[in-house]
Amino acid sequence: MAEQTHRERARDTSKQVYTIALQATAALVVLLVFAGLAYLVSIDRIDGSALLLYAGVLLGFILSAAWRRR
């Protein structure tokens, strides 16, 4: 197995950092939307079915992503 150069290791590390940062940002956005919907349900501005639908969509997306990684 050939040893990686410093530049190749730096490039691989930057790709990993970018991927993790993108996933963290997406998770934060999803969490904020979910919290916002929960708040709107709690003050009776929207029906709870919207929150349930959003949770189902999230669960489906997470399960789909987990299945693709296998």
PDB file of N, CA and C in Angstrom:
ATOM      1  N   MET A   1       0.843  -1.177   0.000  1.00  0.00           N
ATOM      2  CA  MET A   1       0.000   0.000   0.000  1.00  0.00           C
ATOM      3  C   MET A   1       0.888   1.240   0.000  1.00  0.00           C
ATOM      4  N   ALA A   2       0.670   2.109  -0.929  1.00  0.00           N
ATOM      5  CA  ALA A   2       1.497   3.301  -1.052  1.00  0.00           C
ATOM      6  C   ALA A   2       1.164   4.304   0.050  1.00  0.00           C
ATOM      7  N   GLU A   3       2.188   4.964   0.511  1.00  0.00           N
ATOM      8  CA  GLU A   3       1.986   5.973   1.556  1.00  0.00           C
ATOM      9  C   GLU A   3       1.440   7.245   0.931  1.00  0.00           C
ATOM     10  N   GLN A   4       0.468   7.842   1.599  1.00  0.00           N
ATOM     11  CA  GLN A   4      -0.139   9.065   1.093  1.00  0.00           C
ATOM     12  C   GLN A   4       0.783  10.251   1.358  1.00  0.00           C
ATOM     13  N   THR A   5       0.760  11.174   0.442  1.00  0.00           N
ATOM     14  CA  THR A   5       1.524  12.393   0.647  1.00  0.00           C
ATOM     15  C   THR A   5       0.765  13.307   1.595  1.00  0.00           C
ATOM     16  N   HIS A   6       1.475  14.311   2.065  1.00  0.00           N
ATOM     17  CA  HIS A   6       0.859  15.270   2.985  1.00  0.00           C
ATOM     18  C   HIS A   6      -0.329  15.970   2.328  1.00  0.00           C
ATOM     19  N   ARG A   7      -0.193  16.283   1.057  1.00  0.00           N
ATOM     20  CA  ARG A   7      -1.265  16.976   0.334  1.00  0.00           C
ATOM     21  C   ARG A   7      -2.508  16.090   0.213  1.00  0.00           C
ATOM     22  N   GLU A   8      -2.326  14.805  -0.067  1.00  0.00           N
ATOM     23  CA  GLU A   8      -3.463  13.883  -0.194  1.00  0.00           C
ATOM     24  C   GLU A   8      -4.166  13.705   1.142  1.00  0.00           C
ATOM     25  N   ARG A   9      -3.396  13.594   2.217  1.00  0.00           N
ATOM     26  CA  ARG A   9      -4.019  13.470   3.541  1.00  0.00           C
ATOM     27  C   ARG A   9      -4.787  14.722   3.902  1.00  0.00           C
ATOM     28  N   ALA A  10      -4.228  15.898   3.559  1.00  0.00           N
ATOM     29  CA  ALA A  10      -4.916  17.160   3.837  1.00  0.00           C
ATOM     30  C   ALA A  10      -6.208  17.257   3.043  1.00  0.00           C
ATOM     31  N   ARG A  11      -6.171  16.816   1.781  1.00  0.00           N
ATOM     32  CA  ARG A  11      -7.373  16.853   0.945  1.00  0.00           C
ATOM     33  C   ARG A  11      -8.442  15.905   1.497  1.00  0.00           C
ATOM     34  N   ASP A  12      -8.047  14.705   1.896  1.00  0.00           N
ATOM     35  CA  ASP A  12      -9.002  13.747   2.465  1.00  0.00           C
ATOM     36  C   ASP A  12      -9.601  14.268   3.761  1.00  0.00           C
ATOM     37  N   THR A  13      -8.768  14.880   4.582  1.00  0.00           N
ATOM     38  CA  THR A  13      -9.254  15.430   5.850  1.00  0.00           C
ATOM     39  C   THR A  13     -10.224  16.576   5.609  1.00  0.00           C
ATOM     40  N   SER A  14      -9.927  17.427   4.638  1.00  0.00           N
ATOM     41  CA  SER A  14     -10.831  18.546   4.361  1.00  0.00           C
ATOM     42  C   SER A  14     -12.169  18.049   3.830  1.00  0.00           C
ATOM     43  N   LYS A  15     -12.165  16.970   3.055  1.00  0.00           N
ATOM     44  CA  LYS A  15     -13.422  16.392   2.576  1.00  0.00           C
ATOM     45  C   LYS A  15     -14.249  15.852   3.737  1.00  0.00           C
ATOM     46  N   GLN A  16     -13.594  15.202   4.687  1.00  0.00           N
ATOM     47  CA  GLN A  16     -14.301  14.669   5.851  1.00  0.00           C
ATOM     48  C   GLN A  16     -14.876  15.791   6.702  1.00  0.00           C
ATOM     49  N   VAL A  17     -14.098  16.851   6.905  1.00  0.00           N
ATOM     50  CA  VAL A  17     -14.570  17.989   7.706  1.00  0.00           C
ATOM     51  C   VAL A  17     -15.761  18.652   7.025  1.00  0.00           C
ATOM     52  N   TYR A  18     -15.690  18.817   5.705  1.00  0.00           N
ATOM     53  CA  TYR A  18     -16.788  19.419   4.965  1.00  0.00           C
ATOM     54  C   TYR A  18     -18.055  18.568   5.075  1.00  0.00           C
ATOM     55  N   THR A  19     -17.907  17.255   4.950  1.00  0.00           N
ATOM     56  CA  THR A  19     -19.048  16.353   5.046  1.00  0.00           C
ATOM     57  C   THR A  19     -19.688  16.422   6.422  1.00  0.00           C
ATOM     58  N   ILE A  20     -18.883  16.415   7.458  1.00  0.00           N
ATOM     59  CA  ILE A  20     -19.404  16.469   8.827  1.00  0.00           C
ATOM     60  C   ILE A  20     -20.079  17.813   9.086  1.00  0.00           C
ATOM     61  N   ALA A  21     -19.472  18.899   8.620  1.00  0.00           N
ATOM     62  CA  ALA A  21     -20.068  20.222   8.807  1.00  0.00           C
ATOM     63  C   ALA A  21     -21.402  20.333   8.082  1.00  0.00           C
ATOM     64  N   LEU A  22     -21.482  19.772   6.886  1.00  0.00           N
ATOM     65  CA  LEU A  22     -22.730  19.798   6.128  1.00  0.00           C
ATOM     66  C   LEU A  22     -23.814  18.982   6.825  1.00  0.00           C
ATOM     67  N   GLN A  23     -23.457  17.810   7.338  1.00  0.00           N
ATOM     68  CA  GLN A  23     -24.420  16.987   8.059  1.00  0.00           C
ATOM     69  C   GLN A  23     -24.883  17.669   9.343  1.00  0.00           C
ATOM     70  N   ALA A  24     -23.973  18.313  10.048  1.00  0.00           N
ATOM     71  CA  ALA A  24     -24.337  19.014  11.281  1.00  0.00           C
ATOM     72  C   ALA A  24     -25.271  20.189  10.991  1.00  0.00           C
ATOM     73  N   THR A  25     -25.004  20.902   9.913  1.00  0.00           N
ATOM     74  CA  THR A  25     -25.875  22.019   9.530  1.00  0.00           C
ATOM     75  C   THR A  25     -27.264  21.521   9.154  1.00  0.00           C
ATOM     76  N   ALA A  26     -27.327  20.445   8.393  1.00  0.00           N
ATOM     77  CA  ALA A  26     -28.624  19.885   8.013  1.00  0.00           C
ATOM     78  C   ALA A  26     -29.388  19.407   9.242  1.00  0.00           C
ATOM     79  N   ALA A  27     -28.691  18.773  10.174  1.00  0.00           N
ATOM     80  CA  ALA A  27     -29.343  18.304  11.398  1.00  0.00           C
ATOM     81  C   ALA A  27     -29.869  19.480  12.221  1.00  0.00           C
ATOM     82  N   LEU A  28     -29.121  20.567  12.268  1.00  0.00           N
ATOM     83  CA  LEU A  28     -29.564  21.740  13.005  1.00  0.00           C
ATOM     84  C   LEU A  28     -30.810  22.364  12.384  1.00  0.00           C
ATOM     85  N   VAL A  29     -30.843  22.438  11.067  1.00  0.00           N
ATOM     86  CA  VAL A  29     -32.012  22.983  10.377  1.00  0.00           C
ATOM     87  C   VAL A  29     -33.240  22.116  10.641  1.00  0.00           C
ATOM     88  N   VAL A  30     -33.072  20.808  10.541  1.00  0.00           N
ATOM     89  CA  VAL A  30     -34.185  19.889  10.793  1.00  0.00           C
ATOM     90  C   VAL A  30     -34.677  20.033  12.226  1.00  0.00           C
ATOM     91  N   LEU A  31     -33.757  20.124  13.171  1.00  0.00           N
ATOM     92  CA  LEU A  31     -34.132  20.281  14.576  1.00  0.00           C
ATOM     93  C   LEU A  31     -34.883  21.582  14.814  1.00  0.00           C
ATOM     94  N   LEU A  32     -34.438  22.666  14.199  1.00  0.00           N
ATOM     95  CA  LEU A  32     -35.123  23.947  14.362  1.00  0.00           C
ATOM     96  C   LEU A  32     -36.526  23.919  13.753  1.00  0.00           C
ATOM     97  N   VAL A  33     -36.674  23.299  12.602  1.00  0.00           N
ATOM     98  CA  VAL A  33     -38.008  23.192  11.985  1.00  0.00           C
ATOM     99  C   VAL A  33     -38.925  22.351  12.857  1.00  0.00           C
ATOM    100  N   PHE A  34     -38.401  21.244  13.375  1.00  0.00           N
ATOM    101  CA  PHE A  34     -39.206  20.388  14.242  1.00  0.00           C
ATOM    102  C   PHE A  34     -39.618  21.132  15.517  1.00  0.00           C
ATOM    103  N   ALA A  35     -38.680  21.872  16.110  1.00  0.00           N
ATOM    104  CA  ALA A  35     -38.994  22.648  17.317  1.00  0.00           C
ATOM    105  C   ALA A  35     -40.016  23.735  17.003  1.00  0.00           C
ATOM    106  N   GLY A  36     -39.898  24.361  15.848  1.00  0.00           N
ATOM    107  CA  GLY A  36     -40.862  25.388  15.450  1.00  0.00           C
ATOM    108  C   GLY A  36     -42.255  24.811  15.258  1.00  0.00           C
ATOM    109  N   LEU A  37     -42.325  23.656  14.619  1.00  0.00           N
ATOM    110  CA  LEU A  37     -43.632  23.007  14.453  1.00  0.00           C
ATOM    111  C   LEU A  37     -44.214  22.592  15.802  1.00  0.00           C
ATOM    112  N   ALA A  38     -43.368  22.083  16.684  1.00  0.00           N
ATOM    113  CA  ALA A  38     -43.844  21.699  18.016  1.00  0.00           C
ATOM    114  C   ALA A  38     -44.372  22.916  18.772  1.00  0.00           C
ATOM    115  N   TYR A  39     -43.703  24.033  18.626  1.00  0.00           N
ATOM    116  CA  TYR A  39     -44.174  25.260  19.277  1.00  0.00           C
ATOM    117  C   TYR A  39     -45.521  25.696  18.711  1.00  0.00           C
ATOM    118  N   LEU A  40     -45.647  25.670  17.395  1.00  0.00           N
ATOM    119  CA  LEU A  40     -46.919  26.066  16.781  1.00  0.00           C
ATOM    120  C   LEU A  40     -48.056  25.137  17.188  1.00  0.00           C
ATOM    121  N   VAL A  41     -47.765  23.854  17.362  1.00  0.00           N
ATOM    122  CA  VAL A  41     -48.785  22.921  17.838  1.00  0.00           C
ATOM    123  C   VAL A  41     -49.145  23.242  19.284  1.00  0.00           C
ATOM    124  N   SER A  42     -48.133  23.574  20.092  1.00  0.00           N
ATOM    125  CA  SER A  42     -48.393  23.824  21.517  1.00  0.00           C
ATOM    126  C   SER A  42     -49.249  25.070  21.751  1.00  0.00           C
ATOM    127  N   ILE A  43     -49.156  26.054  20.865  1.00  0.00           N
ATOM    128  CA  ILE A  43     -49.989  27.252  21.043  1.00  0.00           C
ATOM    129  C   ILE A  43     -51.250  27.198  20.173  1.00  0.00           C
ATOM    130  N   ASP A  44     -51.528  26.017  19.639  1.00  0.00           N
ATOM    131  CA  ASP A  44     -52.734  25.760  18.844  1.00  0.00           C
ATOM    132  C   ASP A  44     -52.845  26.612  17.583  1.00  0.00           C
ATOM    133  N   ARG A  45     -51.721  26.908  16.959  1.00  0.00           N
ATOM    134  CA  ARG A  45     -51.760  27.627  15.685  1.00  0.00           C
ATOM    135  C   ARG A  45     -51.923  26.661  14.512  1.00  0.00           C
ATOM    136  N   ILE A  46     -51.414  25.428  14.674  1.00  0.00           N
ATOM    137  CA  ILE A  46     -51.599  24.400  13.646  1.00  0.00           C
ATOM    138  C   ILE A  46     -52.008  23.114  14.340  1.00  0.00           C
ATOM    139  N   ASP A  47     -52.532  22.193  13.543  1.00  0.00           N
ATOM    140  CA  ASP A  47     -52.963  20.900  14.057  1.00  0.00           C
ATOM    141  C   ASP A  47     -51.736  19.994  14.258  1.00  0.00           C
ATOM    142  N   GLY A  48     -51.845  19.064  15.169  1.00  0.00           N
ATOM    143  CA  GLY A  48     -50.747  18.151  15.452  1.00  0.00           C
ATOM    144  C   GLY A  48     -50.422  17.204  14.324  1.00  0.00           C
ATOM    145  N   SER A  49     -51.321  17.083  13.359  1.00  0.00           N
ATOM    146  CA  SER A  49     -51.071  16.167  12.245  1.00  0.00           C
ATOM    147  C   SER A  49     -49.893  16.632  11.394  1.00  0.00           C
ATOM    148  N   ALA A  50     -49.657  17.937  11.316  1.00  0.00           N
ATOM    149  CA  ALA A  50     -48.510  18.447  10.553  1.00  0.00           C
ATOM    150  C   ALA A  50     -47.205  17.995  11.194  1.00  0.00           C
ATOM    151  N   LEU A  51     -47.163  18.029  12.514  1.00  0.00           N
ATOM    152  CA  LEU A  51     -45.979  17.582  13.234  1.00  0.00           C
ATOM    153  C   LEU A  51     -45.784  16.079  13.054  1.00  0.00           C
ATOM    154  N   LEU A  52     -46.861  15.334  13.090  1.00  0.00           N
ATOM    155  CA  LEU A  52     -46.787  13.892  12.896  1.00  0.00           C
ATOM    156  C   LEU A  52     -46.321  13.557  11.472  1.00  0.00           C
ATOM    157  N   LEU A  53     -46.826  14.279  10.490  1.00  0.00           N
ATOM    158  CA  LEU A  53     -46.414  14.074   9.105  1.00  0.00           C
ATOM    159  C   LEU A  53     -44.924  14.378   8.941  1.00  0.00           C
ATOM    160  N   TYR A  54     -44.465  15.475   9.521  1.00  0.00           N
ATOM    161  CA  TYR A  54     -43.053  15.851   9.437  1.00  0.00           C
ATOM    162  C   TYR A  54     -42.177  14.796  10.105  1.00  0.00           C
ATOM    163  N   ALA A  55     -42.597  14.289  11.249  1.00  0.00           N
ATOM    164  CA  ALA A  55     -41.839  13.245  11.943  1.00  0.00           C
ATOM    165  C   ALA A  55     -41.775  11.976  11.092  1.00  0.00           C
ATOM    166  N   GLY A  56     -42.862  11.641  10.421  1.00  0.00           N
ATOM    167  CA  GLY A  56     -42.864  10.470   9.551  1.00  0.00           C
ATOM    168  C   GLY A  56     -41.936  10.624   8.363  1.00  0.00           C
ATOM    169  N   VAL A  57     -41.923  11.811   7.781  1.00  0.00           N
ATOM    170  CA  VAL A  57     -41.023  12.078   6.658  1.00  0.00           C
ATOM    171  C   VAL A  57     -39.571  11.986   7.117  1.00  0.00           C
ATOM    172  N   LEU A  58     -39.270  12.547   8.281  1.00  0.00           N
ATOM    173  CA  LEU A  58     -37.912  12.470   8.821  1.00  0.00           C
ATOM    174  C   LEU A  58     -37.504  11.028   9.084  1.00  0.00           C
ATOM    175  N   LEU A  59     -38.376  10.270   9.683  1.00  0.00           N
ATOM    176  CA  LEU A  59     -38.069   8.877   9.965  1.00  0.00           C
ATOM    177  C   LEU A  59     -37.828   8.098   8.674  1.00  0.00           C
ATOM    178  N   GLY A  60     -38.644   8.331   7.674  1.00  0.00           N
ATOM    179  CA  GLY A  60     -38.451   7.673   6.390  1.00  0.00           C
ATOM    180  C   GLY A  60     -37.122   8.037   5.753  1.00  0.00           C
ATOM    181  N   PHE A  61     -36.752   9.303   5.831  1.00  0.00           N
ATOM    182  CA  PHE A  61     -35.478   9.738   5.264  1.00  0.00           C
ATOM    183  C   PHE A  61     -34.305   9.106   6.012  1.00  0.00           C
ATOM    184  N   ILE A  62     -34.377   9.071   7.330  1.00  0.00           N
ATOM    185  CA  ILE A  62     -33.298   8.493   8.137  1.00  0.00           C
ATOM    186  C   ILE A  62     -33.162   6.999   7.853  1.00  0.00           C
ATOM    187  N   LEU A  63     -34.281   6.297   7.789  1.00  0.00           N
ATOM    188  CA  LEU A  63     -34.228   4.872   7.499  1.00  0.00           C
ATOM    189  C   LEU A  63     -33.699   4.604   6.091  1.00  0.00           C
ATOM    190  N   SER A  64     -34.074   5.422   5.150  1.00  0.00           N
ATOM    191  CA  SER A  64     -33.593   5.274   3.779  1.00  0.00           C
ATOM    192  C   SER A  64     -32.082   5.483   3.711  1.00  0.00           C
ATOM    193  N   ALA A  65     -31.606   6.518   4.394  1.00  0.00           N
ATOM    194  CA  ALA A  65     -30.156   6.793   4.410  1.00  0.00           C
ATOM    195  C   ALA A  65     -29.400   5.670   5.094  1.00  0.00           C
ATOM    196  N   ALA A  66     -29.948   5.150   6.170  1.00  0.00           N
ATOM    197  CA  ALA A  66     -29.282   4.059   6.879  1.00  0.00           C
ATOM    198  C   ALA A  66     -29.259   2.801   6.019  1.00  0.00           C
ATOM    199  N   TRP A  67     -30.311   2.563   5.269  1.00  0.00           N
ATOM    200  CA  TRP A  67     -30.374   1.369   4.420  1.00  0.00           C
ATOM    201  C   TRP A  67     -29.362   1.473   3.285  1.00  0.00           C
ATOM    202  N   ARG A  68     -29.192   2.676   2.721  1.00  0.00           N
ATOM    203  CA  ARG A  68     -28.239   2.866   1.634  1.00  0.00           C
ATOM    204  C   ARG A  68     -26.800   2.677   2.100  1.00  0.00           C
ATOM    205  N   ARG A  69     -26.499   2.992   3.349  1.00  0.00           N
ATOM    206  CA  ARG A  69     -25.141   2.836   3.879  1.00  0.00           C
ATOM    207  C   ARG A  69     -24.764   1.393   4.076  1.00  0.00           C
ATOM    208  N   ARG A  70     -25.746   0.497   4.194  1.00  0.00           N
ATOM    209  CA  ARG A  70     -25.453  -0.919   4.400  1.00  0.00           C
ATOM    210  C   ARG A  70     -24.880  -1.487   3.200  1.00  0.00           C
TER     211      ARG A  70
END
